[in-house]
Protein backbone atom coordinates (compact mmCIF):
# COMPACT_ATOMS: atom_id res chain seq x y z
CA UNK A 1 101.83 94.55 100.21
CA UNK A 2 104.62 96.53 101.15
CA UNK A 3 107.68 95.06 102.65
CA UNK A 4 106.98 94.07 106.20
CA UNK A 5 109.83 94.59 108.63
CA UNK A 6 110.21 95.02 112.40
CA UNK A 7 112.28 98.03 111.80
CA UNK A 8 110.21 101.15 112.77
CA UNK A 9 111.60 104.67 113.15
CA UNK A 10 111.14 106.89 116.18
CA UNK A 11 109.32 110.21 115.90
CA UNK A 12 109.15 113.19 118.16
CA UNK A 13 106.47 113.66 120.55
CA UNK A 14 105.33 117.11 122.11
CA UNK A 15 104.45 117.50 125.58
CA UNK A 16 100.84 118.64 126.26
CA UNK A 17 99.50 116.91 123.18
CA UNK A 18 95.87 115.47 123.58
CA UNK A 19 94.49 112.03 122.74
CA UNK A 20 91.43 109.97 122.88
CA UNK A 21 90.83 108.27 126.22
CA UNK A 22 91.52 104.49 126.33
CA UNK A 23 88.80 102.00 125.88
CA UNK A 24 88.74 100.33 129.34
CA UNK A 25 88.05 96.89 127.77
CA UNK A 26 91.39 97.00 125.89
CA UNK A 27 93.42 97.55 128.84
CA UNK A 28 91.71 94.72 130.82
CA UNK A 29 91.99 92.28 128.01
CA UNK A 30 95.66 92.64 128.00
CA UNK A 31 96.12 92.66 131.68
CA UNK A 32 97.24 96.14 131.86
CA UNK A 33 95.91 98.55 134.49
CA UNK A 34 94.27 101.62 132.89
CA UNK A 35 92.84 104.48 134.96
CA UNK A 36 91.52 107.07 132.66
CA UNK A 37 88.35 108.85 132.18
CA UNK A 38 85.35 107.52 130.45
CA UNK A 39 86.09 106.37 127.07
CA UNK A 40 84.74 107.32 123.62
CA UNK A 41 84.65 104.19 121.52
CA UNK A 42 85.49 104.44 117.79
CA UNK A 43 81.94 103.45 116.98
CA UNK A 44 80.71 106.23 119.08
CA UNK A 45 82.85 108.85 117.49
CA UNK A 46 80.91 108.52 114.23
CA UNK A 47 77.55 108.65 115.87
CA UNK A 48 78.71 111.75 117.75
CA UNK A 49 80.20 113.21 114.67
CA UNK A 50 76.93 112.63 112.70
CA UNK A 51 74.77 114.35 115.43
CA UNK A 52 77.02 117.05 116.61
CA UNK A 53 79.96 117.53 114.38
CA UNK A 54 83.69 117.46 114.85
CA UNK A 55 83.70 119.85 117.49
CA UNK A 56 81.76 117.85 119.76
CA UNK A 57 84.09 114.92 119.10
CA UNK A 58 87.16 117.12 119.90
CA UNK A 59 85.64 117.97 123.36
CA UNK A 60 85.22 114.30 124.00
CA UNK A 61 88.72 113.41 122.91
CA UNK A 62 90.44 116.04 125.15
CA UNK A 63 92.15 114.24 127.82
CA UNK A 64 96.09 114.64 128.75
CA UNK A 65 98.43 111.81 127.69
CA UNK A 66 100.15 109.87 130.32
CA UNK A 67 103.88 110.24 130.50
CA UNK A 68 105.67 108.56 127.70
CA UNK A 69 107.17 105.18 128.01
CA UNK A 70 109.13 102.97 125.51
CA UNK A 71 107.53 100.37 123.47
CA UNK A 72 109.42 97.50 121.89
CA UNK A 73 109.42 96.93 118.06
CA UNK A 74 106.25 95.55 116.35
CA UNK A 75 106.14 93.52 113.32
CA UNK A 76 104.89 95.93 110.73
CA UNK A 77 104.55 96.79 107.22
CA UNK A 78 107.69 98.63 105.80
CA UNK A 79 106.61 101.88 104.40
CA UNK A 80 108.35 104.91 102.97
CA UNK A 81 109.34 106.45 106.38
CA UNK A 82 107.82 109.89 107.40
CA UNK A 83 109.66 112.89 106.03
CA UNK A 84 111.43 115.38 108.23
CA UNK A 85 108.36 117.66 107.75
CA UNK A 86 105.92 115.11 109.03
CA UNK A 87 103.54 116.35 111.87
CA UNK A 88 104.64 115.73 115.55
CA UNK A 89 101.24 116.15 117.17
CA UNK A 90 98.14 113.84 116.67
CA UNK A 91 95.44 116.42 115.71
CA UNK A 92 92.80 114.08 117.04
CA UNK A 93 90.95 116.73 118.87
CA UNK A 94 91.42 119.38 115.79
CA UNK A 95 91.28 116.91 112.93
CA UNK A 96 90.87 119.44 110.24
CA UNK A 97 93.83 121.39 111.22
CA UNK A 98 96.05 118.56 110.34
CA UNK A 99 98.24 119.72 107.36
CA UNK A 100 97.23 116.68 105.36
CA UNK A 101 93.52 117.02 105.66
CA UNK A 102 93.05 118.95 102.39
CA UNK A 103 95.10 116.26 100.69
CA UNK A 104 93.03 113.41 102.09
CA UNK A 105 89.81 115.29 101.60
CA UNK A 106 90.57 115.73 97.74
CA UNK A 107 91.90 112.20 97.34
CA UNK A 108 88.71 110.70 98.92
CA UNK A 109 86.41 113.03 96.96
CA UNK A 110 88.19 111.83 93.72
CA UNK A 111 87.58 108.26 94.81
CA UNK A 112 83.97 109.00 95.14
CA UNK A 113 83.68 108.77 99.02
CA UNK A 114 80.69 110.94 100.35
CA UNK A 115 81.50 113.73 102.54
CA UNK A 116 80.29 112.20 105.81
CA UNK A 117 82.39 109.13 105.16
CA UNK A 118 85.41 111.23 104.46
CA UNK A 119 84.90 113.38 107.88
CA UNK A 120 84.47 110.00 109.80
CA UNK A 121 87.49 108.21 108.17
CA UNK A 122 89.65 111.03 108.86
CA UNK A 123 88.65 111.25 112.55
CA UNK A 124 89.15 107.52 112.87
CA UNK A 125 92.68 107.74 111.19
CA UNK A 126 93.83 110.59 113.58
CA UNK A 127 92.04 109.24 116.58
CA UNK A 128 93.85 105.82 115.81
CA UNK A 129 97.21 107.62 115.96
CA UNK A 130 96.48 108.79 119.23
CA UNK A 131 95.18 105.51 120.47
CA UNK A 132 98.27 103.77 119.15
CA UNK A 133 100.60 105.91 121.29
CA UNK A 134 98.54 104.76 124.36
CA UNK A 135 98.70 101.13 123.35
CA UNK A 136 102.54 101.17 122.78
CA UNK A 137 103.08 102.92 126.08
CA UNK A 138 100.96 100.38 127.93
CA UNK A 139 102.68 97.48 126.09
CA UNK A 140 105.91 98.40 127.72
CA UNK A 141 104.56 96.99 131.03
CA UNK A 142 107.31 94.70 132.24
CA UNK A 143 104.55 92.23 133.55
CA UNK A 144 103.50 91.50 129.98
CA UNK A 145 105.08 88.70 128.03
CA UNK A 146 105.97 89.23 124.31
CA UNK A 147 102.80 87.83 122.92
CA UNK A 148 100.75 89.92 125.18
CA UNK A 149 102.78 93.17 124.19
CA UNK A 150 102.20 92.32 120.50
CA UNK A 151 98.50 91.64 121.05
CA UNK A 152 98.10 94.78 122.97
CA UNK A 153 99.90 97.05 120.35
CA UNK A 154 97.57 95.35 117.64
CA UNK A 155 94.32 95.97 119.41
CA UNK A 156 93.60 99.44 117.86
CA UNK A 157 89.79 99.67 117.73
CA UNK A 158 90.03 103.13 115.80
CA UNK A 159 92.04 101.44 112.89
CA UNK A 160 89.51 98.49 112.83
CA UNK A 161 86.52 100.74 112.75
CA UNK A 162 88.19 102.56 109.84
CA UNK A 163 88.12 99.06 108.01
CA UNK A 164 84.56 98.63 109.02
CA UNK A 165 83.70 101.94 107.60
CA UNK A 166 85.51 101.95 104.21
CA UNK A 167 86.94 98.26 103.98
CA UNK A 168 84.93 97.34 100.81
CA UNK A 169 87.25 99.68 99.16
CA UNK A 170 90.05 97.28 99.66
CA UNK A 171 88.69 95.10 97.11
CA UNK A 172 90.89 94.35 94.06
CA UNK A 173 90.28 95.90 90.58
CA UNK A 174 91.94 93.17 88.73
CA UNK A 175 91.14 89.41 88.40
CA UNK A 176 94.15 88.64 90.81
CA UNK A 177 95.40 89.88 94.04
CA UNK A 178 98.96 90.52 94.74
CA UNK A 179 101.17 90.23 97.88
CA UNK A 180 104.76 91.05 98.05
CA UNK A 181 107.87 91.46 100.12
CA UNK A 182 111.29 93.25 99.18
CA UNK A 183 110.61 96.91 98.71
CA UNK A 184 107.84 99.13 97.40
CA UNK A 185 108.85 98.82 93.69
CA UNK A 186 107.89 95.20 94.09
CA UNK A 187 104.45 96.32 94.52
CA UNK A 188 104.61 98.61 91.39
CA UNK A 189 106.21 95.73 89.50
CA UNK A 190 103.18 93.31 90.63
CA UNK A 191 100.76 96.11 89.45
CA UNK A 192 102.49 96.35 86.11
CA UNK A 193 101.93 92.57 85.71
CA UNK A 194 98.06 93.04 86.02
CA UNK A 195 97.60 92.29 89.83
CA UNK A 196 96.27 94.39 92.49
CA UNK A 197 98.17 94.96 95.63
CA UNK A 198 96.98 96.77 98.70
CA UNK A 199 98.58 99.95 97.63
CA UNK A 200 96.47 99.94 94.46
CA UNK A 201 93.07 99.38 95.93
CA UNK A 202 90.87 102.63 96.21
CA UNK A 203 91.57 102.96 99.97
CA UNK A 204 95.28 101.93 99.78
CA UNK A 205 96.00 104.65 97.21
CA UNK A 206 94.69 107.33 99.60
CA UNK A 207 96.27 106.08 102.90
CA UNK A 208 99.65 105.45 100.78
CA UNK A 209 100.13 109.07 100.16
CA UNK A 210 99.70 110.21 103.81
CA UNK A 211 102.42 110.56 106.44
CA UNK A 212 99.95 111.26 109.39
CA UNK A 213 102.70 111.52 111.98
CA UNK A 214 106.46 111.59 112.45
CA UNK A 215 106.53 108.59 114.56
CA UNK A 216 106.25 105.60 112.28
CA UNK A 217 105.35 103.09 115.31
CA UNK A 218 102.11 105.03 115.36
CA UNK A 219 101.07 104.08 111.84
CA UNK A 220 102.60 100.73 111.36
CA UNK A 221 99.59 98.93 113.00
CA UNK A 222 97.27 100.73 110.75
CA UNK A 223 98.80 99.04 107.76
CA UNK A 224 98.85 95.70 109.56
CA UNK A 225 95.13 96.07 109.97
CA UNK A 226 94.59 97.01 106.40
CA UNK A 227 96.66 94.09 105.31
CA UNK A 228 94.49 91.63 107.23
CA UNK A 229 91.40 93.08 105.82
CA UNK A 230 92.89 93.14 102.24
CA UNK A 231 93.77 89.34 102.51
CA UNK A 232 90.38 88.35 103.90
CA UNK A 233 88.85 89.45 100.64
CA UNK A 234 90.74 87.18 98.36
CA UNK A 235 88.42 84.98 96.16
CA UNK A 236 90.69 83.76 93.58
CA UNK A 237 94.29 83.44 92.57
CA UNK A 238 96.86 85.21 94.72
CA UNK A 239 100.19 86.07 93.15
CA UNK A 240 103.17 86.41 95.62
CA UNK A 241 106.19 88.28 94.76
CA UNK A 242 109.31 87.81 96.77
CA UNK A 243 112.76 89.68 96.28
CA UNK A 244 113.70 88.51 99.77
CA UNK A 245 112.66 85.87 102.22
CA UNK A 246 112.07 86.91 105.85
CA UNK A 247 110.17 84.38 108.04
CA UNK A 248 109.34 87.40 110.32
CA UNK A 249 107.72 89.30 107.80
CA UNK A 250 104.04 90.27 107.74
CA UNK A 251 103.86 88.28 104.41
CA UNK A 252 105.02 85.06 105.78
CA UNK A 253 103.85 85.33 109.54
CA UNK A 254 100.45 86.98 108.85
CA UNK A 255 99.10 87.04 105.34
CA UNK A 256 100.13 83.67 104.17
CA UNK A 257 98.64 81.76 107.24
CA UNK A 258 95.50 83.80 106.60
CA UNK A 259 95.27 82.64 103.12
CA UNK A 260 95.79 79.09 104.14
CA UNK A 261 92.53 79.47 106.32
CA UNK A 262 90.63 80.85 103.45
CA UNK A 263 91.84 78.22 101.07
CA UNK A 264 90.22 75.56 103.14
CA UNK A 265 87.10 77.38 102.81
CA UNK A 266 87.41 78.30 99.17
CA UNK A 267 89.44 76.14 96.99
CA UNK A 268 89.52 78.90 94.22
CA UNK A 269 91.98 80.75 96.24
CA UNK A 270 95.34 79.42 94.96
CA UNK A 271 98.89 80.81 95.55
CA UNK A 272 101.47 81.52 92.77
CA UNK A 273 105.04 82.26 94.00
CA UNK A 274 107.21 84.58 91.98
CA UNK A 275 111.07 84.63 92.89
CA UNK A 276 112.49 88.13 91.85
CA UNK A 277 115.87 89.57 91.12
CA UNK A 278 116.85 93.34 90.58
CA UNK A 279 119.47 93.85 87.91
CA UNK A 280 122.01 96.51 88.08
CA UNK A 281 119.84 98.97 86.06
CA UNK A 282 116.89 98.60 88.34
CA UNK A 283 114.85 96.18 86.34
CA UNK A 284 113.05 93.42 88.17
CA UNK A 285 113.08 89.99 86.53
CA UNK A 286 111.71 86.69 87.63
CA UNK A 287 113.85 83.63 88.19
CA UNK A 288 113.24 80.35 86.18
CA UNK A 289 113.69 76.80 87.26
CA UNK A 290 117.01 76.68 85.40
CA UNK A 291 118.11 79.89 87.09
CA UNK A 292 117.75 82.29 84.07
CA UNK A 293 116.18 85.76 84.36
CA UNK A 294 112.94 86.02 82.66
CA UNK A 295 109.61 87.90 82.35
CA UNK A 296 107.49 85.28 84.00
CA UNK A 297 108.29 82.48 86.42
CA UNK A 298 105.62 81.23 88.83
CA UNK A 299 105.62 78.29 91.29
CA UNK A 300 102.97 76.60 93.11
CA UNK A 301 105.19 75.83 96.25
CA UNK A 302 106.80 78.54 98.49
CA UNK A 303 109.80 76.19 99.05
CA UNK A 304 110.33 75.79 95.51
CA UNK A 305 110.20 79.55 94.94
CA UNK A 306 112.56 80.34 97.81
CA UNK A 307 115.05 77.56 96.80
CA UNK A 308 115.31 78.96 93.32
CA UNK A 309 115.96 82.59 94.65
CA UNK A 310 118.52 81.45 97.04
CA UNK A 311 120.38 79.29 94.44
CA UNK A 312 120.24 82.26 91.94
CA UNK A 313 121.66 84.69 94.73
CA UNK A 314 124.37 82.31 95.58
CA UNK A 315 125.50 81.53 92.13
CA UNK A 316 124.98 84.59 90.01
CA UNK A 317 124.69 87.66 92.22
CA UNK A 318 127.39 90.26 91.56
CA UNK A 319 128.22 91.89 94.99
CA UNK A 320 128.82 95.21 92.91
CA UNK A 321 125.19 95.18 92.16
CA UNK A 322 123.62 97.33 94.81
CA UNK A 323 120.09 96.93 93.49
CA UNK A 324 120.03 93.39 94.81
CA UNK A 325 122.19 93.90 97.91
CA UNK A 326 119.25 93.61 100.41
CA UNK A 327 118.05 90.46 99.09
CA UNK A 328 121.60 89.02 99.03
CA UNK A 329 122.35 90.28 102.47
CA UNK A 330 118.96 88.84 104.05
CA UNK A 331 119.63 85.51 102.37
CA UNK A 332 123.19 85.34 103.86
CA UNK A 333 121.71 86.17 107.38
CA UNK A 334 119.24 83.53 107.27
CA UNK A 335 121.68 80.77 106.15
CA UNK A 336 124.03 81.91 108.88
CA UNK A 337 121.44 81.50 111.31
CA UNK A 338 120.60 78.20 109.78
CA UNK A 339 116.94 79.32 109.13
CA UNK A 340 115.38 77.38 106.57
CA UNK A 341 111.80 77.82 104.94
CA UNK A 342 109.32 75.44 106.65
CA UNK A 343 107.95 72.83 104.44
CA UNK A 344 105.20 73.92 102.36
CA UNK A 345 103.35 71.17 100.33
CA UNK A 346 100.73 73.26 98.72
């Protein structure tokens, strides 16, 4: 997976944009008062789309957004941030006018997706962007606690419906699944070693090439939903690649706990941990138990993996090596806070 940080960028918002009305049950579940017109659920959008087309969907989606309110940071998969040219409106009510619609359509066609699935998936993606802004705004309610805010921001039914529609295309295409943390090139490295990470699944490849919206906070929860669905499909060995250890990352806080549950149901799901270091020329190497850089070093314990990585950084990292500066900085930050990995006996 991509590196999962709480750092999210802020995009522009245009006044007068339109969005899908809120599903009343979401506001009630999170304890947020929501007073909006009749809702169109993410399941209904596909049924309406099939029977009446995108124009009918757009008419049902057309409702003014409430005034913007700030939303706190959410734990999210770190992605390549949107470019300066990323769209600043949602296009939920005019999906095929979105500048990335031709790109999405061509990528999905190349992946073998039927036309009706492509249309529905695109509407769910853009509807999810609009829905996420509402959830982020509502989560700023000062009466909510931190856990309630996080849960509310993560309750995007459009993104979940997207997984229901095309989630089978998150299955791996190699014998082993890969999870990762420390920068997107770690995902590329894992793929080069014969493992499948989220970005190299059929669906992940498509979504990875989209910007969707200038505000990253509206997209990050999509990747969290995809991440959960990806991990739930583990059926065998999972290789975890770490260039940096972050206890608040999606990898450590979300994906690994999910895998522990799956392991109890399926003993064939095992974890192999790989500590990584990037050399000054940009090459990613693995760290052996005797603190040498090698092509393959896997551990059955997270603690052992993190310990080896820490000891290598402490003893051998050259501060002139900017390629490994992020990992070294995060390690020092954790040590300064006296944060140590929790015991891991598996």
